[in-house]
Amino acid sequence: MVMANIDNDLIQASVLLCKKLDGADRTEFIEDAYIDYKWCAHIETPREVQRHLRNVFTKLVKNFGH
């Protein structure tokens, strides 16, 4: 339960930060989130870490991407 709250707080912090950026910086931030996720999947980090990064990327795309 505590881990879910931490995960949600980190996702919300990422969304709030991205909201404050202009267009080019926002795109770069979202791309960096995707690169982080792909790298962690490539080096086979624990599934919880991969899931968190995927959730961050997904939330950013749903809010700001096309």
Protein backbone atom coordinates (compact mmCIF):
# COMPACT_ATOMS: atom_id res chain seq x y z
CA MET A 1 0.00 0.00 0.00
CA VAL A 2 2.78 2.42 0.90
CA MET A 3 4.66 1.59 -2.31
CA ALA A 4 1.57 2.37 -4.39
CA ASN A 5 1.31 5.79 -2.74
CA ILE A 6 4.97 6.53 -3.41
CA ASP A 7 4.56 5.43 -7.03
CA ASN A 8 1.52 7.67 -7.49
CA ASP A 9 3.30 10.61 -5.85
CA LEU A 10 6.28 10.24 -8.18
CA ILE A 11 4.05 10.00 -11.22
CA GLN A 12 2.13 13.12 -10.17
CA ALA A 13 5.41 14.98 -9.57
CA SER A 14 6.56 14.07 -13.08
CA VAL A 15 3.27 15.28 -14.57
CA LEU A 16 3.43 18.57 -12.64
CA LEU A 17 7.03 19.14 -13.73
CA CYS A 18 6.20 18.37 -17.35
CA LYS A 19 3.22 20.74 -17.21
CA LYS A 20 5.57 23.63 -16.37
CA LEU A 21 7.83 23.02 -19.38
CA ASP A 22 7.47 24.57 -22.81
CA GLY A 23 6.87 22.48 -25.94
CA ALA A 24 10.42 21.43 -26.86
CA ASP A 25 11.45 20.76 -23.26
CA ARG A 26 8.24 18.85 -22.64
CA THR A 27 8.91 16.62 -25.66
CA GLU A 28 12.47 15.99 -24.49
CA PHE A 29 11.24 15.14 -20.97
CA ILE A 30 8.79 12.58 -22.36
CA GLU A 31 11.45 11.12 -24.66
CA ASP A 32 13.83 10.81 -21.71
CA ALA A 33 11.16 8.95 -19.73
CA TYR A 34 10.79 6.53 -22.66
CA ILE A 35 14.56 6.04 -22.94
CA ASP A 36 14.78 5.35 -19.19
CA TYR A 37 12.05 2.72 -19.49
CA LYS A 38 13.61 1.02 -22.52
CA TRP A 39 17.06 0.97 -20.88
CA CYS A 40 15.73 -0.60 -17.68
CA ALA A 41 13.90 -3.23 -19.73
CA HIS A 42 17.09 -3.92 -21.70
CA ILE A 43 19.26 -4.46 -18.62
CA GLU A 44 16.48 -6.46 -16.97
CA THR A 45 15.93 -4.42 -13.83
CA PRO A 46 13.30 -5.70 -11.38
CA ARG A 47 9.77 -5.67 -12.74
CA GLU A 48 8.65 -3.12 -10.13
CA VAL A 49 11.16 -0.59 -11.48
CA GLN A 50 10.14 -1.30 -15.07
CA ARG A 51 6.47 -0.99 -14.14
CA HIS A 52 7.05 2.35 -12.43
CA LEU A 53 8.93 3.80 -15.40
CA ARG A 54 6.31 2.48 -17.81
CA ASN A 55 3.56 4.07 -15.70
CA VAL A 56 5.38 7.41 -15.67
CA PHE A 57 5.83 7.32 -19.44
CA THR A 58 2.23 6.25 -20.03
CA LYS A 59 0.83 9.00 -17.83
CA LEU A 60 2.98 11.63 -19.56
CA VAL A 61 1.86 10.51 -23.01
CA LYS A 62 -1.79 10.42 -21.96
CA ASN A 63 -1.55 13.97 -20.63
CA PHE A 64 0.80 15.66 -23.10
CA GLY A 65 1.58 13.41 -26.06
CA HIS A 66 -0.25 12.54 -29.22
